[in-house]
Amino acid sequence: MKLKLDLHDIFNRGHDIDRALRGIMDEAVAKKATLVEIIPGKGSGQLKKRVLRFLDQKEVKQLYHRVEKDSKNFGRLFVHFRWK
């Protein structure tokens, strides 16, 4: 199962970004999704950095297996999950 989060609409609302990221991670855990696609968009890269900082938090990092930056599209990240 693959989930997708597009942050284009809420790029300038900090609390909404954190809430959306937390929500998609919780949904991925609940549904045991194997992949979450997060689209911060290309822009200046500030939103992508914010997403990466969120994913690097200790309590969030425990939830997923690895993060992949899309080599073909700078404005897209993949978060991979491994379930036993």
C-alpha atoms as a PDB file:
ATOM      1  CA  MET A   1       0.000   0.000   0.000  1.00  0.00           C
ATOM      2  CA  LYS A   2       1.244   3.471  -0.912  1.00  0.00           C
ATOM      3  CA  LEU A   3       0.132   6.720   0.722  1.00  0.00           C
ATOM      4  CA  LYS A   4       0.683  10.189  -0.692  1.00  0.00           C
ATOM      5  CA  LEU A   5       0.954  13.625   0.953  1.00  0.00           C
ATOM      6  CA  ASP A   6       1.110  16.776  -1.170  1.00  0.00           C
ATOM      7  CA  LEU A   7       2.255  19.831   0.807  1.00  0.00           C
ATOM      8  CA  HIS A   8       1.752  22.406  -1.971  1.00  0.00           C
ATOM      9  CA  ASP A   9      -1.459  23.783  -0.441  1.00  0.00           C
ATOM     10  CA  ILE A  10      -0.082  24.311   3.077  1.00  0.00           C
ATOM     11  CA  PHE A  11       3.508  25.313   2.313  1.00  0.00           C
ATOM     12  CA  ASN A  12       3.345  28.505   4.409  1.00  0.00           C
ATOM     13  CA  ARG A  13       1.444  27.222   7.471  1.00  0.00           C
ATOM     14  CA  GLY A  14       3.926  25.640   9.884  1.00  0.00           C
ATOM     15  CA  HIS A  15       1.492  23.978  12.283  1.00  0.00           C
ATOM     16  CA  ASP A  16      -0.562  22.526   9.433  1.00  0.00           C
ATOM     17  CA  ILE A  17       2.601  21.060   7.878  1.00  0.00           C
ATOM     18  CA  ASP A  18       3.582  19.338  11.123  1.00  0.00           C
ATOM     19  CA  ARG A  19       0.008  18.113  11.643  1.00  0.00           C
ATOM     20  CA  ALA A  20      -0.165  16.731   8.091  1.00  0.00           C
ATOM     21  CA  LEU A  21       3.202  14.961   8.437  1.00  0.00           C
ATOM     22  CA  ARG A  22       2.244  13.467  11.798  1.00  0.00           C
ATOM     23  CA  GLY A  23      -1.117  12.373  10.362  1.00  0.00           C
ATOM     24  CA  ILE A  24       0.360  10.621   7.323  1.00  0.00           C
ATOM     25  CA  MET A  25       2.948   8.821   9.488  1.00  0.00           C
ATOM     26  CA  ASP A  26       0.233   7.675  11.922  1.00  0.00           C
ATOM     27  CA  GLU A  27      -1.936   6.529   9.013  1.00  0.00           C
ATOM     28  CA  ALA A  28       0.981   4.599   7.497  1.00  0.00           C
ATOM     29  CA  VAL A  29       1.575   2.811  10.794  1.00  0.00           C
ATOM     30  CA  ALA A  30      -2.128   2.056  11.291  1.00  0.00           C
ATOM     31  CA  LYS A  31      -2.568   0.690   7.746  1.00  0.00           C
ATOM     32  CA  LYS A  32       0.916  -0.901   7.631  1.00  0.00           C
ATOM     33  CA  ALA A  33       1.717   0.949   4.405  1.00  0.00           C
ATOM     34  CA  THR A  34       5.005   0.057   2.741  1.00  0.00           C
ATOM     35  CA  LEU A  35       5.593   3.474   1.193  1.00  0.00           C
ATOM     36  CA  VAL A  36       4.655   7.101   1.829  1.00  0.00           C
ATOM     37  CA  GLU A  37       5.291   9.632  -0.929  1.00  0.00           C
ATOM     38  CA  ILE A  38       5.722  13.183   0.382  1.00  0.00           C
ATOM     39  CA  ILE A  39       5.680  16.019  -2.138  1.00  0.00           C
ATOM     40  CA  PRO A  40       7.080  19.249  -0.692  1.00  0.00           C
ATOM     41  CA  GLY A  41       7.552  20.676  -4.187  1.00  0.00           C
ATOM     42  CA  LYS A  42      10.668  22.101  -5.800  1.00  0.00           C
ATOM     43  CA  GLY A  43      10.776  25.764  -4.779  1.00  0.00           C
ATOM     44  CA  SER A  44      13.722  26.989  -2.718  1.00  0.00           C
ATOM     45  CA  GLY A  45      14.063  23.706  -0.829  1.00  0.00           C
ATOM     46  CA  GLN A  46      13.060  25.117   2.564  1.00  0.00           C
ATOM     47  CA  LEU A  47       9.929  22.970   2.829  1.00  0.00           C
ATOM     48  CA  LYS A  48      11.887  19.847   1.884  1.00  0.00           C
ATOM     49  CA  LYS A  49      14.424  20.671   4.614  1.00  0.00           C
ATOM     50  CA  ARG A  50      11.599  21.074   7.113  1.00  0.00           C
ATOM     51  CA  VAL A  51      10.156  17.673   6.131  1.00  0.00           C
ATOM     52  CA  LEU A  52      13.590  16.038   6.462  1.00  0.00           C
ATOM     53  CA  ARG A  53      14.058  17.620   9.917  1.00  0.00           C
ATOM     54  CA  PHE A  54      10.632  16.266  10.934  1.00  0.00           C
ATOM     55  CA  LEU A  55      11.573  12.776   9.715  1.00  0.00           C
ATOM     56  CA  ASP A  56      14.886  12.989  11.582  1.00  0.00           C
ATOM     57  CA  GLN A  57      13.218  13.407  14.990  1.00  0.00           C
ATOM     58  CA  LYS A  58      13.947  10.476  17.304  1.00  0.00           C
ATOM     59  CA  GLU A  59      10.313   9.470  17.895  1.00  0.00           C
ATOM     60  CA  VAL A  60       9.476   9.698  14.185  1.00  0.00           C
ATOM     61  CA  LYS A  61      12.640   7.937  13.013  1.00  0.00           C
ATOM     62  CA  GLN A  62      11.622   4.820  14.968  1.00  0.00           C
ATOM     63  CA  LEU A  63       8.512   4.422  12.805  1.00  0.00           C
ATOM     64  CA  TYR A  64      10.093   3.975   9.361  1.00  0.00           C
ATOM     65  CA  HIS A  65      12.885   2.013   7.702  1.00  0.00           C
ATOM     66  CA  ARG A  66      14.510   4.599   5.377  1.00  0.00           C
ATOM     67  CA  VAL A  67      13.999   7.850   3.457  1.00  0.00           C
ATOM     68  CA  GLU A  68      14.741   8.044  -0.267  1.00  0.00           C
ATOM     69  CA  LYS A  69      15.161  11.303  -2.150  1.00  0.00           C
ATOM     70  CA  ASP A  70      13.810  10.895  -5.675  1.00  0.00           C
ATOM     71  CA  SER A  71      16.741  11.194  -8.090  1.00  0.00           C
ATOM     72  CA  LYS A  72      14.470  12.192 -10.991  1.00  0.00           C
ATOM     73  CA  ASN A  73      12.309  14.721  -9.123  1.00  0.00           C
ATOM     74  CA  PHE A  74      13.912  17.073  -6.579  1.00  0.00           C
ATOM     75  CA  GLY A  75      10.499  17.916  -5.086  1.00  0.00           C
ATOM     76  CA  ARG A  76       9.594  14.425  -3.919  1.00  0.00           C
ATOM     77  CA  LEU A  77      10.588  12.142  -1.019  1.00  0.00           C
ATOM     78  CA  PHE A  78       9.776   8.495  -0.349  1.00  0.00           C
ATOM     79  CA  VAL A  79       9.534   7.085   3.171  1.00  0.00           C
ATOM     80  CA  HIS A  80       9.873   3.300   3.239  1.00  0.00           C
ATOM     81  CA  PHE A  81       8.421   1.123   5.989  1.00  0.00           C
ATOM     82  CA  ARG A  82       9.328  -2.442   6.885  1.00  0.00           C
ATOM     83  CA  TRP A  83       6.747  -4.568   8.693  1.00  0.00           C
ATOM     84  CA  LYS A  84       7.407  -7.925  10.352  1.00  0.00           C
END
